């Protein structure tokens, strides 16, 4: 699974190559060092918003083009599927225990996933 840093670095490298700019030239135009740009492109460093704006400006693109797409839902689904797979292959559980554990896991994980998109419900007394 790619991290945000790796994805961002790949986007910057791809845009730099599309603009036919050597790394050193883009770095100079953006006010950063060549080694720092290399670290960004290789996912070793995460640039500040100002550096991102400078890079985008130097390449003649909108800074929003350097923002990697959100993948929180994909990550949550992958984590859920991985947990289901682990539960299904656990040799210490019976079939009924596996089904119950998956049901409990889904019930507990669902509020965490929806908490980022919806306000929390008021507690009932």
N, C-alpha and C. Protein backbone atom coordinates (compact mmCIF):
# COMPACT_ATOMS: atom_id res chain seq x y z
N UNK A 1 0.85 -1.17 0.00
CA UNK A 1 0.00 0.00 0.00
C UNK A 1 0.90 1.25 0.00
N UNK A 2 0.64 2.18 -0.87
CA UNK A 2 1.45 3.38 -0.98
C UNK A 2 1.10 4.37 0.12
N UNK A 3 2.13 5.03 0.63
CA UNK A 3 1.88 6.05 1.63
C UNK A 3 1.59 7.36 0.92
N UNK A 4 1.07 8.32 1.67
CA UNK A 4 0.78 9.64 1.10
C UNK A 4 2.07 10.28 0.59
N UNK A 5 3.17 10.12 1.35
CA UNK A 5 4.44 10.71 0.93
C UNK A 5 4.89 10.12 -0.40
N UNK A 6 4.83 8.79 -0.54
CA UNK A 6 5.26 8.17 -1.79
C UNK A 6 4.38 8.61 -2.94
N UNK A 7 3.07 8.67 -2.72
CA UNK A 7 2.15 9.09 -3.76
C UNK A 7 2.41 10.54 -4.15
N UNK A 8 2.60 11.40 -3.16
CA UNK A 8 2.87 12.81 -3.45
C UNK A 8 4.18 12.95 -4.21
N UNK A 9 5.20 12.25 -3.77
CA UNK A 9 6.49 12.31 -4.47
C UNK A 9 6.37 11.85 -5.91
N UNK A 10 5.60 10.80 -6.13
CA UNK A 10 5.39 10.29 -7.49
C UNK A 10 4.66 11.31 -8.35
N UNK A 11 3.66 11.97 -7.75
CA UNK A 11 2.92 13.01 -8.49
C UNK A 11 3.85 14.16 -8.88
N UNK A 12 4.68 14.58 -7.95
CA UNK A 12 5.60 15.69 -8.22
C UNK A 12 6.58 15.29 -9.31
N UNK A 13 7.15 14.09 -9.20
CA UNK A 13 8.10 13.63 -10.23
C UNK A 13 7.42 13.57 -11.60
N UNK A 14 6.22 13.02 -11.65
CA UNK A 14 5.51 12.90 -12.92
C UNK A 14 5.23 14.28 -13.53
N UNK A 15 4.80 15.22 -12.71
CA UNK A 15 4.54 16.57 -13.21
C UNK A 15 5.83 17.25 -13.67
N UNK A 16 6.90 17.03 -12.93
CA UNK A 16 8.20 17.62 -13.31
C UNK A 16 8.64 17.07 -14.66
N UNK A 17 8.47 15.77 -14.85
CA UNK A 17 8.86 15.15 -16.12
C UNK A 17 7.97 15.62 -17.26
N UNK A 18 6.66 15.79 -16.99
CA UNK A 18 5.76 16.31 -18.02
C UNK A 18 6.12 17.73 -18.41
N UNK A 19 6.63 18.49 -17.44
CA UNK A 19 7.05 19.87 -17.72
C UNK A 19 8.45 19.92 -18.32
N UNK A 20 9.09 18.76 -18.50
CA UNK A 20 10.45 18.65 -19.05
C UNK A 20 11.45 19.49 -18.27
N UNK A 21 11.33 19.44 -16.95
CA UNK A 21 12.24 20.19 -16.09
C UNK A 21 13.22 19.25 -15.39
N UNK A 22 14.52 19.53 -15.49
CA UNK A 22 15.47 18.75 -14.71
C UNK A 22 15.24 19.02 -13.21
N UNK A 23 15.58 18.06 -12.38
CA UNK A 23 15.35 18.19 -10.95
C UNK A 23 16.02 19.44 -10.38
N UNK A 24 17.27 19.67 -10.76
CA UNK A 24 17.99 20.84 -10.22
C UNK A 24 17.33 22.15 -10.62
N UNK A 25 16.84 22.21 -11.85
CA UNK A 25 16.19 23.44 -12.32
C UNK A 25 14.89 23.69 -11.55
N UNK A 26 14.07 22.66 -11.37
CA UNK A 26 12.83 22.82 -10.63
C UNK A 26 13.12 23.21 -9.18
N UNK A 27 14.12 22.58 -8.60
CA UNK A 27 14.48 22.91 -7.21
C UNK A 27 14.88 24.39 -7.11
N UNK A 28 15.71 24.85 -8.03
CA UNK A 28 16.14 26.25 -8.01
C UNK A 28 14.96 27.19 -8.21
N UNK A 29 14.07 26.85 -9.13
CA UNK A 29 12.90 27.69 -9.40
C UNK A 29 11.95 27.73 -8.21
N UNK A 30 11.98 26.68 -7.39
CA UNK A 30 11.08 26.58 -6.24
C UNK A 30 11.71 27.08 -4.94
N UNK A 31 12.99 27.40 -4.99
CA UNK A 31 13.67 27.90 -3.80
C UNK A 31 14.06 26.82 -2.81
N UNK A 32 14.24 25.59 -3.30
CA UNK A 32 14.69 24.51 -2.43
C UNK A 32 15.92 23.86 -3.04
N UNK A 33 16.59 23.01 -2.29
CA UNK A 33 17.78 22.35 -2.81
C UNK A 33 17.41 21.13 -3.64
N UNK A 34 18.31 20.75 -4.51
CA UNK A 34 18.11 19.56 -5.32
C UNK A 34 17.97 18.29 -4.47
N UNK A 35 18.84 18.12 -3.46
CA UNK A 35 18.69 16.93 -2.61
C UNK A 35 17.34 16.88 -1.87
N UNK A 36 16.84 18.05 -1.46
CA UNK A 36 15.54 18.08 -0.77
C UNK A 36 14.44 17.66 -1.73
N UNK A 37 14.47 18.16 -2.98
CA UNK A 37 13.48 17.76 -3.98
C UNK A 37 13.57 16.26 -4.24
N UNK A 38 14.78 15.74 -4.31
CA UNK A 38 14.96 14.31 -4.51
C UNK A 38 14.33 13.51 -3.36
N UNK A 39 14.52 13.97 -2.14
CA UNK A 39 13.93 13.29 -0.98
C UNK A 39 12.40 13.34 -1.04
N UNK A 40 11.86 14.47 -1.48
CA UNK A 40 10.40 14.59 -1.62
C UNK A 40 9.90 13.59 -2.66
N UNK A 41 10.56 13.57 -3.83
CA UNK A 41 10.13 12.69 -4.92
C UNK A 41 10.24 11.22 -4.54
N UNK A 42 11.18 10.89 -3.67
CA UNK A 42 11.38 9.50 -3.26
C UNK A 42 10.59 9.14 -2.00
N UNK A 43 9.74 10.05 -1.53
CA UNK A 43 8.89 9.77 -0.38
C UNK A 43 9.59 9.79 0.96
N UNK A 44 10.79 10.36 1.01
CA UNK A 44 11.54 10.41 2.27
C UNK A 44 11.21 11.63 3.10
N UNK A 45 10.76 12.69 2.45
CA UNK A 45 10.40 13.94 3.14
C UNK A 45 9.04 14.38 2.66
N UNK A 46 8.32 15.11 3.52
CA UNK A 46 7.01 15.64 3.17
C UNK A 46 7.12 17.16 3.15
N UNK A 47 6.87 17.80 2.00
CA UNK A 47 7.05 19.24 1.89
C UNK A 47 5.95 20.02 2.59
N UNK A 48 6.29 21.25 2.97
CA UNK A 48 5.29 22.14 3.56
C UNK A 48 4.32 22.60 2.46
N UNK A 49 3.23 23.20 2.89
CA UNK A 49 2.27 23.73 1.91
C UNK A 49 2.91 24.78 1.02
N UNK A 50 3.78 25.61 1.61
CA UNK A 50 4.44 26.65 0.83
C UNK A 50 5.35 26.04 -0.24
N UNK A 51 6.10 25.01 0.12
CA UNK A 51 6.97 24.36 -0.86
C UNK A 51 6.12 23.73 -1.97
N UNK A 52 4.99 23.13 -1.61
CA UNK A 52 4.10 22.57 -2.63
C UNK A 52 3.60 23.65 -3.58
N UNK A 53 3.21 24.80 -3.02
CA UNK A 53 2.75 25.91 -3.87
C UNK A 53 3.88 26.38 -4.78
N UNK A 54 5.10 26.48 -4.24
CA UNK A 54 6.25 26.91 -5.05
C UNK A 54 6.54 25.92 -6.18
N UNK A 55 6.47 24.63 -5.87
CA UNK A 55 6.71 23.61 -6.89
C UNK A 55 5.65 23.69 -7.99
N UNK A 56 4.40 23.80 -7.58
CA UNK A 56 3.31 23.89 -8.56
C UNK A 56 3.47 25.13 -9.43
N UNK A 57 3.78 26.24 -8.81
CA UNK A 57 3.96 27.49 -9.56
C UNK A 57 5.10 27.37 -10.57
N UNK A 58 6.20 26.77 -10.13
CA UNK A 58 7.36 26.62 -11.01
C UNK A 58 7.05 25.70 -12.20
N UNK A 59 6.14 24.74 -11.99
CA UNK A 59 5.78 23.82 -13.09
C UNK A 59 4.60 24.33 -13.89
N UNK A 60 4.01 25.46 -13.46
CA UNK A 60 2.89 26.04 -14.18
C UNK A 60 1.59 25.25 -14.03
N UNK A 61 1.39 24.66 -12.86
CA UNK A 61 0.17 23.90 -12.61
C UNK A 61 -0.51 24.41 -11.35
N UNK A 62 -1.76 24.03 -11.19
CA UNK A 62 -2.51 24.37 -9.99
C UNK A 62 -2.00 23.51 -8.83
N UNK A 63 -1.78 24.09 -7.66
CA UNK A 63 -1.29 23.30 -6.52
C UNK A 63 -2.19 22.11 -6.18
N UNK A 64 -3.49 22.19 -6.50
CA UNK A 64 -4.39 21.07 -6.22
C UNK A 64 -4.04 19.82 -7.02
N UNK A 65 -3.32 20.00 -8.13
CA UNK A 65 -2.91 18.85 -8.93
C UNK A 65 -1.85 18.02 -8.23
N UNK A 66 -1.25 18.58 -7.18
CA UNK A 66 -0.22 17.84 -6.42
C UNK A 66 -0.79 17.18 -5.18
N UNK A 67 -2.09 17.25 -5.01
CA UNK A 67 -2.72 16.64 -3.84
C UNK A 67 -3.15 15.24 -4.23
N UNK A 68 -2.60 14.22 -3.55
CA UNK A 68 -2.99 12.85 -3.87
C UNK A 68 -4.47 12.61 -3.56
N UNK A 69 -5.12 11.75 -4.31
CA UNK A 69 -6.53 11.47 -4.04
C UNK A 69 -6.69 10.80 -2.68
N UNK A 70 -7.81 11.09 -2.03
CA UNK A 70 -8.11 10.49 -0.73
C UNK A 70 -8.43 9.02 -0.92
N UNK A 71 -7.97 8.21 0.02
CA UNK A 71 -8.25 6.78 -0.09
C UNK A 71 -8.64 6.20 1.26
N UNK A 72 -9.22 7.02 2.15
CA UNK A 72 -9.60 6.54 3.47
C UNK A 72 -10.60 5.40 3.39
N UNK A 73 -11.59 5.51 2.50
CA UNK A 73 -12.59 4.47 2.38
C UNK A 73 -11.97 3.18 1.87
N UNK A 74 -11.06 3.29 0.90
CA UNK A 74 -10.38 2.11 0.39
C UNK A 74 -9.54 1.46 1.48
N UNK A 75 -8.84 2.28 2.27
CA UNK A 75 -8.01 1.75 3.34
C UNK A 75 -8.86 1.07 4.40
N UNK A 76 -10.00 1.65 4.74
CA UNK A 76 -10.89 1.06 5.74
C UNK A 76 -11.45 -0.27 5.24
N UNK A 77 -11.83 -0.32 3.98
CA UNK A 77 -12.37 -1.56 3.42
C UNK A 77 -11.28 -2.64 3.38
N UNK A 78 -10.07 -2.26 3.02
CA UNK A 78 -8.97 -3.22 2.98
C UNK A 78 -8.66 -3.74 4.38
N UNK A 79 -8.68 -2.85 5.38
CA UNK A 79 -8.43 -3.27 6.76
C UNK A 79 -9.52 -4.21 7.24
N UNK A 80 -10.78 -3.90 6.92
CA UNK A 80 -11.90 -4.76 7.31
C UNK A 80 -11.76 -6.14 6.66
N UNK A 81 -11.44 -6.16 5.37
CA UNK A 81 -11.29 -7.43 4.67
C UNK A 81 -10.14 -8.24 5.23
N UNK A 82 -9.04 -7.57 5.57
CA UNK A 82 -7.89 -8.27 6.15
C UNK A 82 -8.25 -8.87 7.51
N UNK A 83 -9.00 -8.13 8.32
CA UNK A 83 -9.41 -8.65 9.62
C UNK A 83 -10.34 -9.85 9.45
N UNK A 84 -11.27 -9.76 8.51
CA UNK A 84 -12.16 -10.89 8.24
C UNK A 84 -11.35 -12.13 7.84
N UNK A 85 -10.36 -11.92 6.96
CA UNK A 85 -9.54 -13.04 6.51
C UNK A 85 -8.78 -13.68 7.67
N UNK A 86 -8.26 -12.84 8.57
CA UNK A 86 -7.54 -13.38 9.73
C UNK A 86 -8.46 -14.19 10.63
N UNK A 87 -9.65 -13.68 10.86
CA UNK A 87 -10.60 -14.38 11.72
C UNK A 87 -10.99 -15.71 11.07
N UNK A 88 -11.21 -15.71 9.76
CA UNK A 88 -11.67 -16.92 9.06
C UNK A 88 -10.65 -18.05 9.08
N UNK A 89 -9.36 -17.72 9.19
CA UNK A 89 -8.34 -18.76 9.15
C UNK A 89 -7.79 -19.11 10.53
N UNK A 90 -8.29 -18.49 11.58
CA UNK A 90 -7.79 -18.79 12.93
C UNK A 90 -8.20 -20.22 13.32
N UNK A 91 -7.23 -21.10 13.52
CA UNK A 91 -7.54 -22.49 13.82
C UNK A 91 -8.12 -22.70 15.22
N UNK A 92 -8.04 -21.70 16.08
CA UNK A 92 -8.53 -21.82 17.45
C UNK A 92 -10.01 -21.48 17.59
N UNK A 93 -10.66 -21.07 16.50
CA UNK A 93 -12.06 -20.67 16.56
C UNK A 93 -12.94 -21.67 15.82
N UNK A 94 -14.13 -21.86 16.34
CA UNK A 94 -15.12 -22.69 15.64
C UNK A 94 -15.82 -21.81 14.61
N UNK A 95 -16.59 -22.42 13.74
CA UNK A 95 -17.34 -21.66 12.74
C UNK A 95 -18.27 -20.64 13.37
N UNK A 96 -18.95 -21.04 14.43
CA UNK A 96 -19.87 -20.13 15.11
C UNK A 96 -19.11 -18.97 15.75
N UNK A 97 -17.96 -19.28 16.33
CA UNK A 97 -17.15 -18.21 16.94
C UNK A 97 -16.64 -17.24 15.89
N UNK A 98 -16.25 -17.75 14.74
CA UNK A 98 -15.78 -16.89 13.65
C UNK A 98 -16.89 -15.93 13.21
N UNK A 99 -18.08 -16.48 12.99
CA UNK A 99 -19.20 -15.64 12.56
C UNK A 99 -19.52 -14.57 13.62
N UNK A 100 -19.53 -14.98 14.87
CA UNK A 100 -19.83 -14.03 15.95
C UNK A 100 -18.76 -12.95 16.05
N UNK A 101 -17.50 -13.37 15.93
CA UNK A 101 -16.41 -12.40 16.04
C UNK A 101 -16.44 -11.40 14.88
N UNK A 102 -16.73 -11.88 13.69
CA UNK A 102 -16.84 -10.98 12.54
C UNK A 102 -17.99 -10.00 12.74
N UNK A 103 -19.11 -10.51 13.25
CA UNK A 103 -20.26 -9.64 13.51
C UNK A 103 -19.93 -8.57 14.55
N UNK A 104 -19.27 -8.96 15.62
CA UNK A 104 -18.88 -8.00 16.67
C UNK A 104 -17.88 -7.00 16.11
N UNK A 105 -16.90 -7.49 15.37
CA UNK A 105 -15.89 -6.59 14.78
C UNK A 105 -16.56 -5.55 13.88
N UNK A 106 -17.44 -6.01 13.00
CA UNK A 106 -18.11 -5.08 12.08
C UNK A 106 -18.94 -4.05 12.85
N UNK A 107 -19.61 -4.51 13.91
CA UNK A 107 -20.42 -3.58 14.70
C UNK A 107 -19.56 -2.54 15.40
N UNK A 108 -18.39 -2.95 15.87
CA UNK A 108 -17.52 -2.00 16.57
C UNK A 108 -16.74 -1.11 15.61
N UNK A 109 -16.36 -1.63 14.45
CA UNK A 109 -15.58 -0.86 13.49
C UNK A 109 -16.44 0.12 12.70
N UNK A 110 -17.71 -0.20 12.49
CA UNK A 110 -18.59 0.67 11.71
C UNK A 110 -18.73 2.06 12.32
N UNK A 111 -18.93 2.21 13.64
CA UNK A 111 -19.02 3.56 14.18
C UNK A 111 -17.73 4.36 14.01
N UNK A 112 -16.59 3.70 14.07
CA UNK A 112 -15.32 4.40 13.90
C UNK A 112 -15.20 4.93 12.47
N UNK A 113 -15.64 4.15 11.51
CA UNK A 113 -15.58 4.58 10.12
C UNK A 113 -16.55 5.71 9.83
N UNK A 114 -17.74 5.65 10.43
CA UNK A 114 -18.73 6.70 10.16
C UNK A 114 -18.52 7.93 11.03
N UNK A 115 -17.71 7.83 12.08
CA UNK A 115 -17.47 8.97 12.96
C UNK A 115 -16.76 10.10 12.24
N UNK A 116 -15.97 9.76 11.22
CA UNK A 116 -15.27 10.81 10.48
C UNK A 116 -16.18 11.51 9.50
N UNK A 117 -17.32 10.88 9.15
CA UNK A 117 -18.19 11.49 8.15
C UNK A 117 -19.50 11.99 8.73
N UNK A 118 -19.83 11.60 9.96
CA UNK A 118 -21.09 12.04 10.56
C UNK A 118 -20.86 12.40 12.01
N UNK A 119 -21.64 13.35 12.53
CA UNK A 119 -21.49 13.71 13.93
C UNK A 119 -21.91 12.56 14.83
N UNK A 120 -21.29 12.49 15.99
CA UNK A 120 -21.60 11.42 16.95
C UNK A 120 -23.01 11.60 17.48
N UNK A 121 -23.68 10.48 17.71
CA UNK A 121 -25.04 10.50 18.25
C UNK A 121 -24.98 10.83 19.73
N UNK A 122 -26.04 11.47 20.21
CA UNK A 122 -26.12 11.79 21.63
C UNK A 122 -26.35 10.50 22.42
N UNK A 123 -25.70 10.34 23.57
CA UNK A 123 -25.91 9.15 24.37
C UNK A 123 -27.35 9.06 24.86
N UNK A 124 -27.89 7.85 24.88
CA UNK A 124 -29.26 7.60 25.36
C UNK A 124 -29.21 7.21 26.83
N UNK A 125 -30.15 7.69 27.61
CA UNK A 125 -30.19 7.34 29.03
C UNK A 125 -31.30 6.40 29.33
